[in-house]
Amino acid sequence: MSNPFLKQVFNKDKTFRPKRKFEPGTQRFELHKKAQASLNAGLDLRLAVQLPPGEDLNDWVAVHVVDFFNRVNLIYGTISDGCTEQSCPVMSGGPKYEYRWQDEHKFRKPTALSAPRYMDLLMDWIEAQINNEDLFPTNVGTPFPKNFLQTVRKILSRLFRVFVHVYIHHFDRIAQMGSEAHVNTCYKHFYYFVKEFGLIDTKELEPLVRGLGAEGVRLRWGWRPVAEEPFR
C-alpha cells in the first residue's frame, strides 16, 4: 500500500520515522500485497478496506495500522520543517481543539506540548507498539493479545490527530506542493477503514468530518473547519 503517487509527490528522505516493512513470505506480507493490489486497481476505497473472505480480522487490521503509520510519517515528515516550536507551540486542531499527551512514563497526566514535541513522542510510542512482538506478532500461528484492538484504537485515534493538525495548520504547504488530492486520498482511505471496523469514536472524527464531509474530499485553498469543543 505504498502508493506510487505518494512517492512522486513526497520526498521519501523526509519520512519522519524509518518505514516499517513486512517480511516477504509471511502472511502479513501477503495481506499487504493483496491490499495494495486493490488500491492500485482503483477499487472503491469503501470496498478496498473490507476484510477479504477467509482472512483474519486482526491480521488485516495490523497490516493497515503499519501502513497508515508509514503514510502519516511520510506526510508529516514532508511538512515538518514548517511545524516548529515557534509556529506550533500547542498541538492543536484549530482554536478549540487541543491535544494533550499522556503516557505511562514521563507524562502520566494529560500535558500540553508543542506540536513537534507531541509528534515526536507520538511516533516513538507507535513505533514501540508495532515493534512489540507481544502486541503485533509476526510469526504465523502466534495469537494476538486480547487487548490488541483496544491498543489499535488508541494508535489510530492518535494518528488521526496528525491528519487534523496537518490539514488545519499546514494545509497551505500541502496546497503549494499540489498534493491536496493525494493527501485527501490517504485520509479518505484512513477514514473508511476506521469506520468499517469501528476503530475511532465518531465524536473524535468531528474536526475533519464537519469541514471535509464524511469522505474527506473537496478541500479548498485556505479551508478551515469549525471546531466546537476540545477533547483529549
C-alpha atoms as a PDB file:
ATOM      1  CA  MET A   1       0.000   0.000   0.000  1.00  0.00           C
ATOM      2  CA  SER A   2       2.935   2.274  -0.584  1.00  0.00           C
ATOM      3  CA  ASN A   3       1.183   4.176  -3.347  1.00  0.00           C
ATOM      4  CA  PRO A   4       3.248   5.383  -6.327  1.00  0.00           C
ATOM      5  CA  PHE A   5       1.674   8.846  -6.221  1.00  0.00           C
ATOM      6  CA  LEU A   6       2.928   9.379  -2.684  1.00  0.00           C
ATOM      7  CA  LYS A   7       6.480   8.581  -3.743  1.00  0.00           C
ATOM      8  CA  GLN A   8       6.178  11.067  -6.603  1.00  0.00           C
ATOM      9  CA  VAL A   9       4.742  13.896  -4.510  1.00  0.00           C
ATOM     10  CA  PHE A  10       6.580  13.478  -1.243  1.00  0.00           C
ATOM     11  CA  ASN A  11      10.273  13.267  -0.571  1.00  0.00           C
ATOM     12  CA  LYS A  12      10.836   9.817   0.918  1.00  0.00           C
ATOM     13  CA  ASP A  13      14.037  11.103   2.534  1.00  0.00           C
ATOM     14  CA  LYS A  14      11.878  13.273   4.795  1.00  0.00           C
ATOM     15  CA  THR A  15       9.952  10.388   6.317  1.00  0.00           C
ATOM     16  CA  PHE A  16       9.578  11.289   9.993  1.00  0.00           C
ATOM     17  CA  ARG A  17      10.447   7.765  11.140  1.00  0.00           C
ATOM     18  CA  PRO A  18      12.050   4.786   9.362  1.00  0.00           C
ATOM     19  CA  LYS A  19       9.489   2.870   7.351  1.00  0.00           C
ATOM     20  CA  ARG A  20       8.234  -0.362   8.907  1.00  0.00           C
ATOM     21  CA  LYS A  21       8.246  -3.171   6.332  1.00  0.00           C
ATOM     22  CA  PHE A  22       6.667  -6.612   6.151  1.00  0.00           C
ATOM     23  CA  GLU A  23       8.879  -9.670   5.861  1.00  0.00           C
ATOM     24  CA  PRO A  24       8.495 -11.466   2.490  1.00  0.00           C
ATOM     25  CA  GLY A  25       6.968 -14.881   2.795  1.00  0.00           C
ATOM     26  CA  THR A  26       4.821 -14.036   5.829  1.00  0.00           C
ATOM     27  CA  GLN A  27       1.036 -13.941   5.943  1.00  0.00           C
ATOM     28  CA  ARG A  28       1.207 -10.243   6.800  1.00  0.00           C
ATOM     29  CA  PHE A  29       3.274  -9.591   3.661  1.00  0.00           C
ATOM     30  CA  GLU A  30       0.716 -11.420   1.504  1.00  0.00           C
ATOM     31  CA  LEU A  31      -2.125  -9.397   3.004  1.00  0.00           C
ATOM     32  CA  HIS A  32      -0.161  -6.227   2.373  1.00  0.00           C
ATOM     33  CA  LYS A  33       0.228  -7.174  -1.297  1.00  0.00           C
ATOM     34  CA  LYS A  34      -3.471  -8.022  -1.556  1.00  0.00           C
ATOM     35  CA  ALA A  35      -4.498  -4.679  -0.085  1.00  0.00           C
ATOM     36  CA  GLN A  36      -2.066  -2.801  -2.332  1.00  0.00           C
ATOM     37  CA  ALA A  37      -3.379  -4.616  -5.390  1.00  0.00           C
ATOM     38  CA  SER A  38      -6.906  -3.451  -4.552  1.00  0.00           C
ATOM     39  CA  LEU A  39      -5.746   0.142  -4.292  1.00  0.00           C
ATOM     40  CA  ASN A  40      -3.668   0.014  -7.449  1.00  0.00           C
ATOM     41  CA  ALA A  41      -6.631  -1.448  -9.337  1.00  0.00           C
ATOM     42  CA  GLY A  42      -8.645   1.649  -8.493  1.00  0.00           C
ATOM     43  CA  LEU A  43     -11.139  -0.257  -6.360  1.00  0.00           C
ATOM     44  CA  ASP A  44     -13.608   1.933  -4.460  1.00  0.00           C
ATOM     45  CA  LEU A  45     -11.926   2.641  -1.118  1.00  0.00           C
ATOM     46  CA  ARG A  46     -15.076   1.646   0.729  1.00  0.00           C
ATOM     47  CA  LEU A  47     -14.689  -1.813  -0.781  1.00  0.00           C
ATOM     48  CA  ALA A  48     -10.904  -1.907  -0.551  1.00  0.00           C
ATOM     49  CA  VAL A  49     -10.948  -1.669   3.242  1.00  0.00           C
ATOM     50  CA  GLN A  50     -13.350  -4.569   3.715  1.00  0.00           C
ATOM     51  CA  LEU A  51     -11.992  -7.761   5.221  1.00  0.00           C
ATOM     52  CA  PRO A  52     -11.199 -10.240   2.424  1.00  0.00           C
ATOM     53  CA  PRO A  53     -13.131 -13.527   2.687  1.00  0.00           C
ATOM     54  CA  GLY A  54     -11.345 -16.085   4.816  1.00  0.00           C
ATOM     55  CA  GLU A  55      -8.821 -13.648   6.283  1.00  0.00           C
ATOM     56  CA  ASP A  56      -8.258 -12.955   9.971  1.00  0.00           C
ATOM     57  CA  LEU A  57      -9.511  -9.564  11.195  1.00  0.00           C
ATOM     58  CA  ASN A  58      -6.550  -8.933  13.477  1.00  0.00           C
ATOM     59  CA  ASP A  59      -4.054  -9.627  10.680  1.00  0.00           C
ATOM     60  CA  TRP A  60      -5.936  -7.284   8.327  1.00  0.00           C
ATOM     61  CA  VAL A  61      -6.037  -4.545  10.965  1.00  0.00           C
ATOM     62  CA  ALA A  62      -2.352  -4.982  11.820  1.00  0.00           C
ATOM     63  CA  VAL A  63      -1.333  -4.591   8.166  1.00  0.00           C
ATOM     64  CA  HIS A  64      -3.306  -1.369   7.859  1.00  0.00           C
ATOM     65  CA  VAL A  65      -2.054   0.097  11.126  1.00  0.00           C
ATOM     66  CA  VAL A  66       1.538  -0.298   9.953  1.00  0.00           C
ATOM     67  CA  ASP A  67       0.632   1.105   6.534  1.00  0.00           C
ATOM     68  CA  PHE A  68      -1.110   4.157   7.985  1.00  0.00           C
ATOM     69  CA  PHE A  69       1.828   4.729  10.329  1.00  0.00           C
ATOM     70  CA  ASN A  70       4.169   4.750   7.329  1.00  0.00           C
ATOM     71  CA  ARG A  71       1.960   7.083   5.307  1.00  0.00           C
ATOM     72  CA  VAL A  72       1.316   9.581   8.085  1.00  0.00           C
ATOM     73  CA  ASN A  73       5.054   9.614   8.784  1.00  0.00           C
ATOM     74  CA  LEU A  74       5.653  10.460   5.146  1.00  0.00           C
ATOM     75  CA  ILE A  75       3.069  13.244   5.080  1.00  0.00           C
ATOM     76  CA  TYR A  76       4.162  14.823   8.345  1.00  0.00           C
ATOM     77  CA  GLY A  77       7.848  14.419   7.554  1.00  0.00           C
ATOM     78  CA  THR A  78       7.351  16.422   4.380  1.00  0.00           C
ATOM     79  CA  ILE A  79       5.867  19.438   6.182  1.00  0.00           C
ATOM     80  CA  SER A  80       7.707  19.045   9.492  1.00  0.00           C
ATOM     81  CA  ASP A  81      10.223  21.790   8.754  1.00  0.00           C
ATOM     82  CA  GLY A  82       7.293  24.216   8.938  1.00  0.00           C
ATOM     83  CA  CYS A  83       5.938  22.738  12.160  1.00  0.00           C
ATOM     84  CA  THR A  84       8.176  24.236  14.827  1.00  0.00           C
ATOM     85  CA  GLU A  85       8.111  25.263  18.462  1.00  0.00           C
ATOM     86  CA  GLN A  86       7.517  28.808  17.266  1.00  0.00           C
ATOM     87  CA  SER A  87       4.867  28.170  14.618  1.00  0.00           C
ATOM     88  CA  CYS A  88       3.002  25.457  16.544  1.00  0.00           C
ATOM     89  CA  PRO A  89       3.552  25.987  20.298  1.00  0.00           C
ATOM     90  CA  VAL A  90       0.424  23.937  21.022  1.00  0.00           C
ATOM     91  CA  MET A  91      -0.586  20.594  19.500  1.00  0.00           C
ATOM     92  CA  SER A  92      -3.978  21.597  18.236  1.00  0.00           C
ATOM     93  CA  GLY A  93      -6.567  21.173  15.527  1.00  0.00           C
ATOM     94  CA  GLY A  94      -7.815  24.715  15.269  1.00  0.00           C
ATOM     95  CA  PRO A  95      -8.568  27.224  18.042  1.00  0.00           C
ATOM     96  CA  LYS A  96     -10.807  24.944  20.106  1.00  0.00           C
ATOM     97  CA  TYR A  97      -9.246  21.500  19.778  1.00  0.00           C
ATOM     98  CA  GLU A  98      -6.138  20.939  21.860  1.00  0.00           C
ATOM     99  CA  TYR A  99      -4.469  17.530  22.075  1.00  0.00           C
ATOM    100  CA  ARG A 100      -2.533  16.783  25.221  1.00  0.00           C
ATOM    101  CA  TRP A 101      -0.009  13.994  25.591  1.00  0.00           C
ATOM    102  CA  GLN A 102      -0.252  11.233  28.170  1.00  0.00           C
ATOM    103  CA  ASP A 103       1.747   8.038  28.549  1.00  0.00           C
ATOM    104  CA  GLU A 104       2.782   5.520  31.167  1.00  0.00           C
ATOM    105  CA  HIS A 105       6.180   7.033  31.813  1.00  0.00           C
ATOM    106  CA  LYS A 106       7.022  10.730  31.993  1.00  0.00           C
ATOM    107  CA  PHE A 107       3.609  12.220  31.236  1.00  0.00           C
ATOM    108  CA  ARG A 108       1.162  10.415  33.491  1.00  0.00           C
ATOM    109  CA  LYS A 109      -1.343  13.269  33.274  1.00  0.00           C
ATOM    110  CA  PRO A 110      -2.553  14.958  30.037  1.00  0.00           C
ATOM    111  CA  THR A 111       0.152  17.545  29.308  1.00  0.00           C
ATOM    112  CA  ALA A 112       0.106  20.462  26.876  1.00  0.00           C
ATOM    113  CA  LEU A 113       3.027  20.224  24.445  1.00  0.00           C
ATOM    114  CA  SER A 114       4.135  21.880  21.234  1.00  0.00           C
ATOM    115  CA  ALA A 115       3.079  20.106  18.056  1.00  0.00           C
ATOM    116  CA  PRO A 116       6.601  18.936  17.102  1.00  0.00           C
ATOM    117  CA  ARG A 117       7.232  17.611  20.616  1.00  0.00           C
ATOM    118  CA  TYR A 118       3.870  15.839  20.604  1.00  0.00           C
ATOM    119  CA  MET A 119       4.590  14.333  17.180  1.00  0.00           C
ATOM    120  CA  ASP A 120       7.984  13.101  18.318  1.00  0.00           C
ATOM    121  CA  LEU A 121       6.541  11.361  21.365  1.00  0.00           C
ATOM    122  CA  LEU A 122       3.625  10.014  19.356  1.00  0.00           C
ATOM    123  CA  MET A 123       5.753   8.428  16.648  1.00  0.00           C
ATOM    124  CA  ASP A 124       8.135   6.948  19.225  1.00  0.00           C
ATOM    125  CA  TRP A 125       5.181   5.464  21.077  1.00  0.00           C
ATOM    126  CA  ILE A 126       3.521   3.984  17.976  1.00  0.00           C
ATOM    127  CA  GLU A 127       6.816   2.608  16.727  1.00  0.00           C
ATOM    128  CA  ALA A 128       7.301   0.849  20.063  1.00  0.00           C
ATOM    129  CA  GLN A 129       3.809  -0.648  19.838  1.00  0.00           C
ATOM    130  CA  ILE A 130       4.136  -2.057  16.324  1.00  0.00           C
ATOM    131  CA  ASN A 131       7.632  -3.395  17.045  1.00  0.00           C
ATOM    132  CA  ASN A 132       6.374  -5.205  20.150  1.00  0.00           C
ATOM    133  CA  GLU A 133       6.102  -8.880  19.202  1.00  0.00           C
ATOM    134  CA  ASP A 134       3.732  -9.491  22.109  1.00  0.00           C
ATOM    135  CA  LEU A 135       1.300  -6.964  20.648  1.00  0.00           C
ATOM    136  CA  PHE A 136       1.971  -7.253  16.901  1.00  0.00           C
ATOM    137  CA  PRO A 137       3.172 -10.858  16.494  1.00  0.00           C
ATOM    138  CA  THR A 138       4.838 -11.606  13.167  1.00  0.00           C
ATOM    139  CA  ASN A 139       5.147 -15.382  13.431  1.00  0.00           C
ATOM    140  CA  VAL A 140       2.384 -17.416  11.806  1.00  0.00           C
ATOM    141  CA  GLY A 141       0.219 -19.078  14.425  1.00  0.00           C
ATOM    142  CA  THR A 142       1.153 -16.711  17.253  1.00  0.00           C
ATOM    143  CA  PRO A 143      -2.132 -15.316  18.601  1.00  0.00           C
ATOM    144  CA  PHE A 144      -2.799 -11.631  19.023  1.00  0.00           C
ATOM    145  CA  PRO A 145      -3.262 -10.483  22.625  1.00  0.00           C
ATOM    146  CA  LYS A 146      -6.747  -9.807  23.968  1.00  0.00           C
ATOM    147  CA  ASN A 147      -6.021  -6.065  24.172  1.00  0.00           C
ATOM    148  CA  PHE A 148      -4.887  -5.824  20.540  1.00  0.00           C
ATOM    149  CA  LEU A 149      -7.897  -3.943  19.144  1.00  0.00           C
ATOM    150  CA  GLN A 150      -8.029  -1.718  22.214  1.00  0.00           C
ATOM    151  CA  THR A 151      -4.427  -0.662  21.601  1.00  0.00           C
ATOM    152  CA  VAL A 152      -5.089  -0.253  17.876  1.00  0.00           C
ATOM    153  CA  ARG A 153      -7.944   2.132  18.639  1.00  0.00           C
ATOM    154  CA  LYS A 154      -5.580   4.318  20.632  1.00  0.00           C
ATOM    155  CA  ILE A 155      -2.920   4.207  17.897  1.00  0.00           C
ATOM    156  CA  LEU A 156      -5.359   5.173  15.136  1.00  0.00           C
ATOM    157  CA  SER A 157      -7.034   7.839  17.250  1.00  0.00           C
ATOM    158  CA  ARG A 158      -3.662   9.484  17.798  1.00  0.00           C
ATOM    159  CA  LEU A 159      -2.671   9.140  14.141  1.00  0.00           C
ATOM    160  CA  PHE A 160      -5.925  10.875  13.229  1.00  0.00           C
ATOM    161  CA  ARG A 161      -4.760  13.872  15.265  1.00  0.00           C
ATOM    162  CA  VAL A 162      -1.796  14.201  12.909  1.00  0.00           C
ATOM    163  CA  PHE A 163      -4.203  14.455   9.970  1.00  0.00           C
ATOM    164  CA  VAL A 164      -6.163  17.122  11.869  1.00  0.00           C
ATOM    165  CA  HIS A 165      -3.080  19.191  12.654  1.00  0.00           C
ATOM    166  CA  VAL A 166      -1.674  18.927   9.138  1.00  0.00           C
ATOM    167  CA  TYR A 167      -4.956  19.839   7.461  1.00  0.00           C
ATOM    168  CA  ILE A 168      -5.771  22.767   9.728  1.00  0.00           C
ATOM    169  CA  HIS A 169      -2.361  24.282  10.366  1.00  0.00           C
ATOM    170  CA  HIS A 170      -0.279  23.237   7.367  1.00  0.00           C
ATOM    171  CA  PHE A 171      -2.771  22.993   4.549  1.00  0.00           C
ATOM    172  CA  ASP A 172      -1.211  25.923   2.703  1.00  0.00           C
ATOM    173  CA  ARG A 173       2.004  23.926   2.424  1.00  0.00           C
ATOM    174  CA  ILE A 174       0.102  20.905   1.135  1.00  0.00           C
ATOM    175  CA  ALA A 175      -1.614  23.103  -1.444  1.00  0.00           C
ATOM    176  CA  GLN A 176       1.665  24.708  -2.538  1.00  0.00           C
ATOM    177  CA  MET A 177       3.004  21.215  -3.218  1.00  0.00           C
ATOM    178  CA  GLY A 178      -0.037  20.492  -5.362  1.00  0.00           C
ATOM    179  CA  SER A 179      -0.721  17.406  -3.291  1.00  0.00           C
ATOM    180  CA  GLU A 180      -4.207  18.073  -1.892  1.00  0.00           C
ATOM    181  CA  ALA A 181      -5.761  15.207  -3.849  1.00  0.00           C
ATOM    182  CA  HIS A 182      -3.081  12.771  -2.713  1.00  0.00           C
ATOM    183  CA  VAL A 183      -3.357  13.667   0.962  1.00  0.00           C
ATOM    184  CA  ASN A 184      -7.140  13.556   0.652  1.00  0.00           C
ATOM    185  CA  THR A 185      -6.906  10.025  -0.718  1.00  0.00           C
ATOM    186  CA  CYS A 186      -4.752   8.957   2.218  1.00  0.00           C
ATOM    187  CA  TYR A 187      -7.206  10.494   4.656  1.00  0.00           C
ATOM    188  CA  LYS A 188     -10.210   9.041   2.837  1.00  0.00           C
ATOM    189  CA  HIS A 189      -8.672   5.560   2.970  1.00  0.00           C
ATOM    190  CA  PHE A 190      -7.949   6.007   6.677  1.00  0.00           C
ATOM    191  CA  TYR A 191     -11.481   7.284   7.337  1.00  0.00           C
ATOM    192  CA  TYR A 192     -13.226   4.418   5.550  1.00  0.00           C
ATOM    193  CA  PHE A 193     -11.034   1.893   7.330  1.00  0.00           C
ATOM    194  CA  VAL A 194     -11.682   3.152  10.877  1.00  0.00           C
ATOM    195  CA  LYS A 195     -15.398   3.493  10.126  1.00  0.00           C
ATOM    196  CA  GLU A 196     -15.608  -0.006   8.617  1.00  0.00           C
ATOM    197  CA  PHE A 197     -14.282  -1.579  11.815  1.00  0.00           C
ATOM    198  CA  GLY A 198     -15.431   0.991  14.405  1.00  0.00           C
ATOM    199  CA  LEU A 199     -11.890   1.852  15.452  1.00  0.00           C
ATOM    200  CA  ILE A 200     -12.359   5.553  16.255  1.00  0.00           C
ATOM    201  CA  ASP A 201     -15.321   7.112  18.051  1.00  0.00           C
ATOM    202  CA  THR A 202     -17.431   9.276  15.760  1.00  0.00           C
ATOM    203  CA  LYS A 203     -17.041  12.233  18.119  1.00  0.00           C
ATOM    204  CA  GLU A 204     -13.275  12.188  17.710  1.00  0.00           C
ATOM    205  CA  LEU A 205     -13.619  12.401  13.918  1.00  0.00           C
ATOM    206  CA  GLU A 206     -15.622  15.624  14.065  1.00  0.00           C
ATOM    207  CA  PRO A 207     -12.778  18.130  13.495  1.00  0.00           C
ATOM    208  CA  LEU A 208     -12.356  16.957   9.903  1.00  0.00           C
ATOM    209  CA  VAL A 209     -15.705  15.355   9.146  1.00  0.00           C
ATOM    210  CA  ARG A 210     -17.514  18.657   9.619  1.00  0.00           C
ATOM    211  CA  GLY A 211     -15.269  20.524   7.265  1.00  0.00           C
ATOM    212  CA  LEU A 212     -14.410  17.831   4.747  1.00  0.00           C
ATOM    213  CA  GLY A 213     -17.596  15.842   4.710  1.00  0.00           C
ATOM    214  CA  ALA A 214     -17.675  12.195   5.631  1.00  0.00           C
ATOM    215  CA  GLU A 215     -15.339  11.206   2.817  1.00  0.00           C
ATOM    216  CA  GLY A 216     -12.724  13.878   3.468  1.00  0.00           C
ATOM    217  CA  VAL A 217     -12.695  15.314  -0.042  1.00  0.00           C
ATOM    218  CA  ARG A 218     -13.044  18.635  -1.876  1.00  0.00           C
ATOM    219  CA  LEU A 219     -10.604  20.645   0.189  1.00  0.00           C
ATOM    220  CA  ARG A 220     -10.030  24.218  -0.915  1.00  0.00           C
ATOM    221  CA  TRP A 221      -7.087  26.563  -0.501  1.00  0.00           C
ATOM    222  CA  GLY A 222      -7.373  28.239   2.874  1.00  0.00           C
ATOM    223  CA  TRP A 223     -10.128  25.908   4.092  1.00  0.00           C
ATOM    224  CA  ARG A 224     -10.528  25.687   7.859  1.00  0.00           C
ATOM    225  CA  PRO A 225     -13.112  23.622   9.760  1.00  0.00           C
ATOM    226  CA  VAL A 226     -15.105  24.962  12.678  1.00  0.00           C
ATOM    227  CA  ALA A 227     -14.369  23.158  15.927  1.00  0.00           C
ATOM    228  CA  GLU A 228     -16.678  23.469  18.898  1.00  0.00           C
ATOM    229  CA  GLU A 229     -15.150  21.677  21.820  1.00  0.00           C
ATOM    230  CA  PRO A 230     -11.799  20.258  22.937  1.00  0.00           C
ATOM    231  CA  PHE A 231     -11.096  16.620  23.545  1.00  0.00           C
ATOM    232  CA  ARG A 232      -8.064  14.735  24.746  1.00  0.00           C
END
